[in-house]
Amino acid sequence: DACTEVPQGRWLVDPDEAFDSRPAQPDRVCSK
């Protein structure tokens, strides 16, 4: 399985700030 966490600097926002483990939260991702 070649999937990984998002590379550093790839997103315009910090991945940790975008992350929310709860499903379908507005403007959030449930996986990095």
All heavy atoms as atom14 arrays in JSON, in Angstrom:
{
  "sequence": "DACTEVPQGRWLVDPDEAFDSRPAQPDRVCSK",
  "atom14_mask": [
    [1, 1, 1, 1, 1, 1, 1, 1, 0, 0, 0, 0, 0, 0],
    [1, 1, 1, 1, 1, 0, 0, 0, 0, 0, 0, 0, 0, 0],
    [1, 1, 1, 1, 1, 1, 0, 0, 0, 0, 0, 0, 0, 0],
    [1, 1, 1, 1, 1, 1, 1, 0, 0, 0, 0, 0, 0, 0],
    [1, 1, 1, 1, 1, 1, 1, 1, 1, 0, 0, 0, 0, 0],
    [1, 1, 1, 1, 1, 1, 1, 0, 0, 0, 0, 0, 0, 0],
    [1, 1, 1, 1, 1, 1, 1, 0, 0, 0, 0, 0, 0, 0],
    [1, 1, 1, 1, 1, 1, 1, 1, 1, 0, 0, 0, 0, 0],
    [1, 1, 1, 1, 0, 0, 0, 0, 0, 0, 0, 0, 0, 0],
    [1, 1, 1, 1, 1, 1, 1, 1, 1, 1, 1, 0, 0, 0],
    [1, 1, 1, 1, 1, 1, 1, 1, 1, 1, 1, 1, 1, 1],
    [1, 1, 1, 1, 1, 1, 1, 1, 0, 0, 0, 0, 0, 0],
    [1, 1, 1, 1, 1, 1, 1, 0, 0, 0, 0, 0, 0, 0],
    [1, 1, 1, 1, 1, 1, 1, 1, 0, 0, 0, 0, 0, 0],
    [1, 1, 1, 1, 1, 1, 1, 0, 0, 0, 0, 0, 0, 0],
    [1, 1, 1, 1, 1, 1, 1, 1, 0, 0, 0, 0, 0, 0],
    [1, 1, 1, 1, 1, 1, 1, 1, 1, 0, 0, 0, 0, 0],
    [1, 1, 1, 1, 1, 0, 0, 0, 0, 0, 0, 0, 0, 0],
    [1, 1, 1, 1, 1, 1, 1, 1, 1, 1, 1, 0, 0, 0],
    [1, 1, 1, 1, 1, 1, 1, 1, 0, 0, 0, 0, 0, 0],
    [1, 1, 1, 1, 1, 1, 0, 0, 0, 0, 0, 0, 0, 0],
    [1, 1, 1, 1, 1, 1, 1, 1, 1, 1, 1, 0, 0, 0],
    [1, 1, 1, 1, 1, 1, 1, 0, 0, 0, 0, 0, 0, 0],
    [1, 1, 1, 1, 1, 0, 0, 0, 0, 0, 0, 0, 0, 0],
    [1, 1, 1, 1, 1, 1, 1, 1, 1, 0, 0, 0, 0, 0],
    [1, 1, 1, 1, 1, 1, 1, 0, 0, 0, 0, 0, 0, 0],
    [1, 1, 1, 1, 1, 1, 1, 1, 0, 0, 0, 0, 0, 0],
    [1, 1, 1, 1, 1, 1, 1, 1, 1, 1, 1, 0, 0, 0],
    [1, 1, 1, 1, 1, 1, 1, 0, 0, 0, 0, 0, 0, 0],
    [1, 1, 1, 1, 1, 1, 0, 0, 0, 0, 0, 0, 0, 0],
    [1, 1, 1, 1, 1, 1, 0, 0, 0, 0, 0, 0, 0, 0],
    [1, 1, 1, 1, 1, 1, 1, 1, 1, 0, 0, 0, 0, 0]
  ],
  "atom14_positions": [
    [[0.87, -1.17, 0.0], [0.0, 0.0, 0.0], [0.91, 1.23, 0.0], [1.65, 1.46, 0.96], [-0.89, -0.03, 1.25], [-1.69, 1.26, 1.45], [-1.66, 2.12, 0.55], [-2.33, 1.4, 2.5], [0.0, 0.0, 0.0], [0.0, 0.0, 0.0], [0.0, 0.0, 0.0], [0.0, 0.0, 0.0], [0.0, 0.0, 0.0], [0.0, 0.0, 0.0]],
    [[0.85, 2.02, -1.08], [1.76, 3.16, -1.23], [1.16, 4.47, -0.73], [1.76, 5.53, -0.91], [2.16, 3.3, -2.7], [0.0, 0.0, 0.0], [0.0, 0.0, 0.0], [0.0, 0.0, 0.0], [0.0, 0.0, 0.0], [0.0, 0.0, 0.0], [0.0, 0.0, 0.0], [0.0, 0.0, 0.0], [0.0, 0.0, 0.0], [0.0, 0.0, 0.0]],
    [[0.0, 4.42, -0.1], [-0.63, 5.64, 0.39], [0.09, 6.15, 1.65], [0.58, 5.36, 2.46], [-2.11, 5.4, 0.68], [-3.05, 4.97, -0.81], [0.0, 0.0, 0.0], [0.0, 0.0, 0.0], [0.0, 0.0, 0.0], [0.0, 0.0, 0.0], [0.0, 0.0, 0.0], [0.0, 0.0, 0.0], [0.0, 0.0, 0.0], [0.0, 0.0, 0.0]],
    [[0.17, 7.47, 1.78], [0.9, 8.1, 2.87], [0.12, 9.31, 3.37], [-0.92, 9.68, 2.82], [2.28, 8.59, 2.39], [2.09, 9.59, 1.38], [3.11, 7.44, 1.83], [0.0, 0.0, 0.0], [0.0, 0.0, 0.0], [0.0, 0.0, 0.0], [0.0, 0.0, 0.0], [0.0, 0.0, 0.0], [0.0, 0.0, 0.0], [0.0, 0.0, 0.0]],
    [[0.66, 9.95, 4.41], [0.1, 11.23, 4.83], [0.48, 12.31, 3.82], [1.46, 12.19, 3.09], [0.6, 11.6, 6.22], [0.01, 10.73, 7.33], [-0.33, 11.54, 8.58], [0.13, 12.69, 8.69], [-1.06, 11.01, 9.44], [0.0, 0.0, 0.0], [0.0, 0.0, 0.0], [0.0, 0.0, 0.0], [0.0, 0.0, 0.0], [0.0, 0.0, 0.0]],
    [[-0.31, 13.37, 3.76], [-0.09, 14.44, 2.8], [1.32, 15.02, 2.99], [1.75, 15.28, 4.11], [-1.15, 15.54, 2.96], [-1.2, 16.1, 4.36], [-0.93, 16.65, 1.94], [0.0, 0.0, 0.0], [0.0, 0.0, 0.0], [0.0, 0.0, 0.0], [0.0, 0.0, 0.0], [0.0, 0.0, 0.0], [0.0, 0.0, 0.0], [0.0, 0.0, 0.0]],
    [[2.09, 15.2, 1.91], [3.44, 15.75, 2.01], [3.44, 17.16, 2.6], [2.48, 17.93, 2.43], [3.94, 15.76, 0.56], [3.1, 14.74, -0.14], [1.77, 14.79, 0.52], [0.0, 0.0, 0.0], [0.0, 0.0, 0.0], [0.0, 0.0, 0.0], [0.0, 0.0, 0.0], [0.0, 0.0, 0.0], [0.0, 0.0, 0.0], [0.0, 0.0, 0.0]],
    [[4.49, 17.49, 3.28], [4.64, 18.79, 3.9], [4.54, 19.9, 2.85], [5.17, 19.83, 1.79], [5.99, 18.88, 4.61], [6.2, 20.13, 5.44], [5.35, 20.15, 6.69], [5.0, 19.1, 7.21], [5.02, 21.34, 7.16], [0.0, 0.0, 0.0], [0.0, 0.0, 0.0], [0.0, 0.0, 0.0], [0.0, 0.0, 0.0], [0.0, 0.0, 0.0]],
    [[3.73, 20.92, 3.13], [3.62, 22.06, 2.26], [2.71, 21.88, 1.06], [2.56, 22.8, 0.25], [0.0, 0.0, 0.0], [0.0, 0.0, 0.0], [0.0, 0.0, 0.0], [0.0, 0.0, 0.0], [0.0, 0.0, 0.0], [0.0, 0.0, 0.0], [0.0, 0.0, 0.0], [0.0, 0.0, 0.0], [0.0, 0.0, 0.0], [0.0, 0.0, 0.0]],
    [[2.06, 20.72, 0.92], [1.22, 20.47, -0.25], [-0.08, 21.27, -0.21], [-0.56, 21.75, -1.23], [0.92, 18.97, -0.35], [-0.04, 18.59, -1.46], [0.54, 18.87, -2.84], [1.55, 17.93, -3.2], [1.32, 16.73, -3.74], [0.07, 16.35, -3.97], [2.31, 15.94, -4.06], [0.0, 0.0, 0.0], [0.0, 0.0, 0.0], [0.0, 0.0, 0.0]],
    [[-0.69, 21.39, 0.97], [-1.97, 22.09, 1.08], [-1.76, 23.55, 1.44], [-0.76, 23.91, 2.08], [-2.86, 21.41, 2.12], [-3.34, 20.05, 1.7], [-3.22, 19.48, 0.47], [-4.01, 19.1, 2.53], [-3.78, 18.22, 0.47], [-4.27, 17.96, 1.72], [-4.42, 19.09, 3.85], [-4.92, 16.84, 2.21], [-5.08, 17.96, 4.35], [-5.33, 16.85, 3.53]],
    [[-2.73, 24.39, 1.08], [-2.67, 25.8, 1.42], [-2.92, 26.06, 2.9], [-2.67, 27.16, 3.39], [-3.71, 26.58, 0.58], [-3.4, 26.73, -0.91], [-4.57, 27.36, -1.65], [-2.14, 27.56, -1.12], [0.0, 0.0, 0.0], [0.0, 0.0, 0.0], [0.0, 0.0, 0.0], [0.0, 0.0, 0.0], [0.0, 0.0, 0.0], [0.0, 0.0, 0.0]],
    [[-3.43, 25.04, 3.6], [-3.63, 25.15, 5.04], [-2.89, 24.01, 5.72], [-2.55, 23.0, 5.09], [-5.13, 25.09, 5.42], [-5.89, 26.24, 4.78], [-5.75, 23.75, 5.0], [0.0, 0.0, 0.0], [0.0, 0.0, 0.0], [0.0, 0.0, 0.0], [0.0, 0.0, 0.0], [0.0, 0.0, 0.0], [0.0, 0.0, 0.0], [0.0, 0.0, 0.0]],
    [[-2.63, 24.17, 7.0], [-1.96, 23.12, 7.77], [-2.88, 21.9, 7.86], [-4.04, 22.02, 8.25], [-1.66, 23.65, 9.18], [-0.8, 22.68, 9.98], [-1.18, 21.5, 10.09], [0.24, 23.12, 10.51], [0.0, 0.0, 0.0], [0.0, 0.0, 0.0], [0.0, 0.0, 0.0], [0.0, 0.0, 0.0], [0.0, 0.0, 0.0], [0.0, 0.0, 0.0]],
    [[-2.39, 20.71, 7.48], [-3.24, 19.51, 7.53], [-3.84, 19.25, 8.9], [-4.99, 18.79, 9.0], [-2.27, 18.39, 7.12], [-1.26, 19.07, 6.26], [-1.08, 20.42, 6.87], [0.0, 0.0, 0.0], [0.0, 0.0, 0.0], [0.0, 0.0, 0.0], [0.0, 0.0, 0.0], [0.0, 0.0, 0.0], [0.0, 0.0, 0.0], [0.0, 0.0, 0.0]],
    [[-3.1, 19.55, 9.96], [-3.63, 19.33, 11.3], [-4.82, 20.24, 11.59], [-5.76, 19.86, 12.27], [-2.54, 19.54, 12.35], [-1.48, 18.45, 12.3], [-1.81, 17.32, 11.88], [-0.32, 18.73, 12.65], [0.0, 0.0, 0.0], [0.0, 0.0, 0.0], [0.0, 0.0, 0.0], [0.0, 0.0, 0.0], [0.0, 0.0, 0.0], [0.0, 0.0, 0.0]],
    [[-4.76, 21.46, 11.04], [-5.87, 22.39, 11.24], [-7.09, 21.97, 10.41], [-8.23, 22.22, 10.8], [-5.45, 23.8, 10.87], [-4.4, 24.41, 11.79], [-4.05, 25.82, 11.39], [-4.75, 26.4, 10.52], [-3.09, 26.37, 11.95], [0.0, 0.0, 0.0], [0.0, 0.0, 0.0], [0.0, 0.0, 0.0], [0.0, 0.0, 0.0], [0.0, 0.0, 0.0]],
    [[-6.85, 21.34, 9.26], [-7.95, 20.92, 8.4], [-8.6, 19.63, 8.87], [-9.72, 19.32, 8.48], [-7.44, 20.74, 6.96], [0.0, 0.0, 0.0], [0.0, 0.0, 0.0], [0.0, 0.0, 0.0], [0.0, 0.0, 0.0], [0.0, 0.0, 0.0], [0.0, 0.0, 0.0], [0.0, 0.0, 0.0], [0.0, 0.0, 0.0], [0.0, 0.0, 0.0]],
    [[-7.93, 18.88, 9.72], [-8.39, 17.54, 10.1], [-9.46, 17.59, 11.18], [-9.37, 18.36, 12.14], [-7.21, 16.71, 10.59], [-7.61, 15.34, 11.11], [-7.98, 14.34, 10.22], [-7.63, 15.08, 12.47], [-8.35, 13.1, 10.68], [-7.99, 13.83, 12.94], [-8.35, 12.84, 12.05], [0.0, 0.0, 0.0], [0.0, 0.0, 0.0], [0.0, 0.0, 0.0]],
    [[-10.48, 16.75, 11.0], [-11.5, 16.52, 12.02], [-12.01, 15.1, 11.82], [-12.51, 14.76, 10.75], [-12.65, 17.52, 11.88], [-13.58, 17.52, 13.1], [-13.85, 16.42, 13.63], [-14.02, 18.61, 13.51], [0.0, 0.0, 0.0], [0.0, 0.0, 0.0], [0.0, 0.0, 0.0], [0.0, 0.0, 0.0], [0.0, 0.0, 0.0], [0.0, 0.0, 0.0]],
    [[-11.84, 14.27, 12.82], [-12.19, 12.86, 12.68], [-13.7, 12.63, 12.59], [-14.14, 11.57, 12.15], [-11.63, 12.07, 13.86], [-12.19, 12.53, 15.09], [0.0, 0.0, 0.0], [0.0, 0.0, 0.0], [0.0, 0.0, 0.0], [0.0, 0.0, 0.0], [0.0, 0.0, 0.0], [0.0, 0.0, 0.0], [0.0, 0.0, 0.0], [0.0, 0.0, 0.0]],
    [[-14.5, 13.62, 12.95], [-15.95, 13.48, 12.84], [-16.35, 13.54, 11.37], [-15.75, 14.27, 10.59], [-16.65, 14.59, 13.63], [-16.41, 14.52, 15.14], [-17.0, 15.75, 15.82], [-16.36, 16.98, 15.34], [-16.79, 18.21, 15.65], [-17.84, 18.36, 16.44], [-16.16, 19.27, 15.19], [0.0, 0.0, 0.0], [0.0, 0.0, 0.0], [0.0, 0.0, 0.0]],
    [[-17.37, 12.79, 10.97], [-17.74, 12.75, 9.55], [-18.34, 14.05, 9.04], [-19.14, 14.7, 9.74], [-18.75, 11.6, 9.49], [-19.33, 11.52, 10.87], [-18.2, 11.9, 11.79], [0.0, 0.0, 0.0], [0.0, 0.0, 0.0], [0.0, 0.0, 0.0], [0.0, 0.0, 0.0], [0.0, 0.0, 0.0], [0.0, 0.0, 0.0], [0.0, 0.0, 0.0]],
    [[-17.93, 14.42, 7.82], [-18.56, 15.5, 7.04], [-18.67, 16.82, 7.78], [-19.68, 17.51, 7.7], [-19.95, 15.05, 6.56], [0.0, 0.0, 0.0], [0.0, 0.0, 0.0], [0.0, 0.0, 0.0], [0.0, 0.0, 0.0], [0.0, 0.0, 0.0], [0.0, 0.0, 0.0], [0.0, 0.0, 0.0], [0.0, 0.0, 0.0], [0.0, 0.0, 0.0]],
    [[-17.61, 17.21, 8.5], [-17.6, 18.52, 9.13], [-17.26, 19.59, 8.09], [-16.37, 19.39, 7.27], [-16.59, 18.55, 10.27], [-16.95, 17.64, 11.44], [-18.3, 17.98, 12.03], [-18.52, 19.08, 12.51], [-19.22, 17.01, 11.99], [0.0, 0.0, 0.0], [0.0, 0.0, 0.0], [0.0, 0.0, 0.0], [0.0, 0.0, 0.0], [0.0, 0.0, 0.0]],
    [[-17.95, 20.73, 8.11], [-17.71, 21.77, 7.09], [-16.25, 22.2, 7.06], [-15.62, 22.44, 8.09], [-18.62, 22.91, 7.53], [-19.68, 22.26, 8.36], [-19.02, 21.11, 9.05], [0.0, 0.0, 0.0], [0.0, 0.0, 0.0], [0.0, 0.0, 0.0], [0.0, 0.0, 0.0], [0.0, 0.0, 0.0], [0.0, 0.0, 0.0], [0.0, 0.0, 0.0]],
    [[-15.7, 22.28, 5.84], [-14.33, 22.77, 5.62], [-13.28, 21.95, 6.37], [-12.24, 22.49, 6.78], [-14.21, 24.24, 6.02], [-15.12, 25.13, 5.2], [-15.31, 24.85, 4.0], [-15.67, 26.1, 5.76], [0.0, 0.0, 0.0], [0.0, 0.0, 0.0], [0.0, 0.0, 0.0], [0.0, 0.0, 0.0], [0.0, 0.0, 0.0], [0.0, 0.0, 0.0]],
    [[-13.55, 20.68, 6.55], [-12.61, 19.8, 7.24], [-12.43, 18.5, 6.45], [-13.28, 18.13, 5.63], [-13.09, 19.46, 8.66], [-13.15, 20.64, 9.6], [-11.74, 21.15, 9.93], [-11.75, 22.24, 10.9], [-11.79, 23.52, 10.57], [-11.86, 23.88, 9.28], [-11.79, 24.46, 11.5], [0.0, 0.0, 0.0], [0.0, 0.0, 0.0], [0.0, 0.0, 0.0]],
    [[-11.32, 17.81, 6.69], [-11.06, 16.49, 6.09], [-11.05, 15.46, 7.21], [-10.59, 15.75, 8.32], [-9.72, 16.47, 5.32], [-9.72, 17.52, 4.21], [-8.54, 16.7, 6.25], [0.0, 0.0, 0.0], [0.0, 0.0, 0.0], [0.0, 0.0, 0.0], [0.0, 0.0, 0.0], [0.0, 0.0, 0.0], [0.0, 0.0, 0.0], [0.0, 0.0, 0.0]],
    [[-11.56, 14.26, 6.92], [-11.59, 13.22, 7.94], [-10.35, 12.33, 7.89], [-10.22, 11.41, 8.7], [-12.86, 12.38, 7.83], [-12.95, 11.37, 6.33], [0.0, 0.0, 0.0], [0.0, 0.0, 0.0], [0.0, 0.0, 0.0], [0.0, 0.0, 0.0], [0.0, 0.0, 0.0], [0.0, 0.0, 0.0], [0.0, 0.0, 0.0], [0.0, 0.0, 0.0]],
    [[-9.46, 12.6, 6.93], [-8.22, 11.83, 6.83], [-7.16, 12.69, 6.17], [-7.47, 13.47, 5.25], [-8.42, 10.55, 6.02], [-7.18, 9.91, 5.75], [0.0, 0.0, 0.0], [0.0, 0.0, 0.0], [0.0, 0.0, 0.0], [0.0, 0.0, 0.0], [0.0, 0.0, 0.0], [0.0, 0.0, 0.0], [0.0, 0.0, 0.0], [0.0, 0.0, 0.0]],
    [[-5.93, 12.54, 6.62], [-4.81, 13.25, 6.0], [-4.02, 12.33, 5.08], [-2.98, 12.74, 4.54], [-3.89, 13.82, 7.1], [-4.53, 14.88, 7.96], [-3.59, 15.38, 9.05], [-3.43, 14.36, 10.16], [-2.58, 14.85, 11.27], [0.0, 0.0, 0.0], [0.0, 0.0, 0.0], [0.0, 0.0, 0.0], [0.0, 0.0, 0.0], [0.0, 0.0, 0.0]]
  ]
}
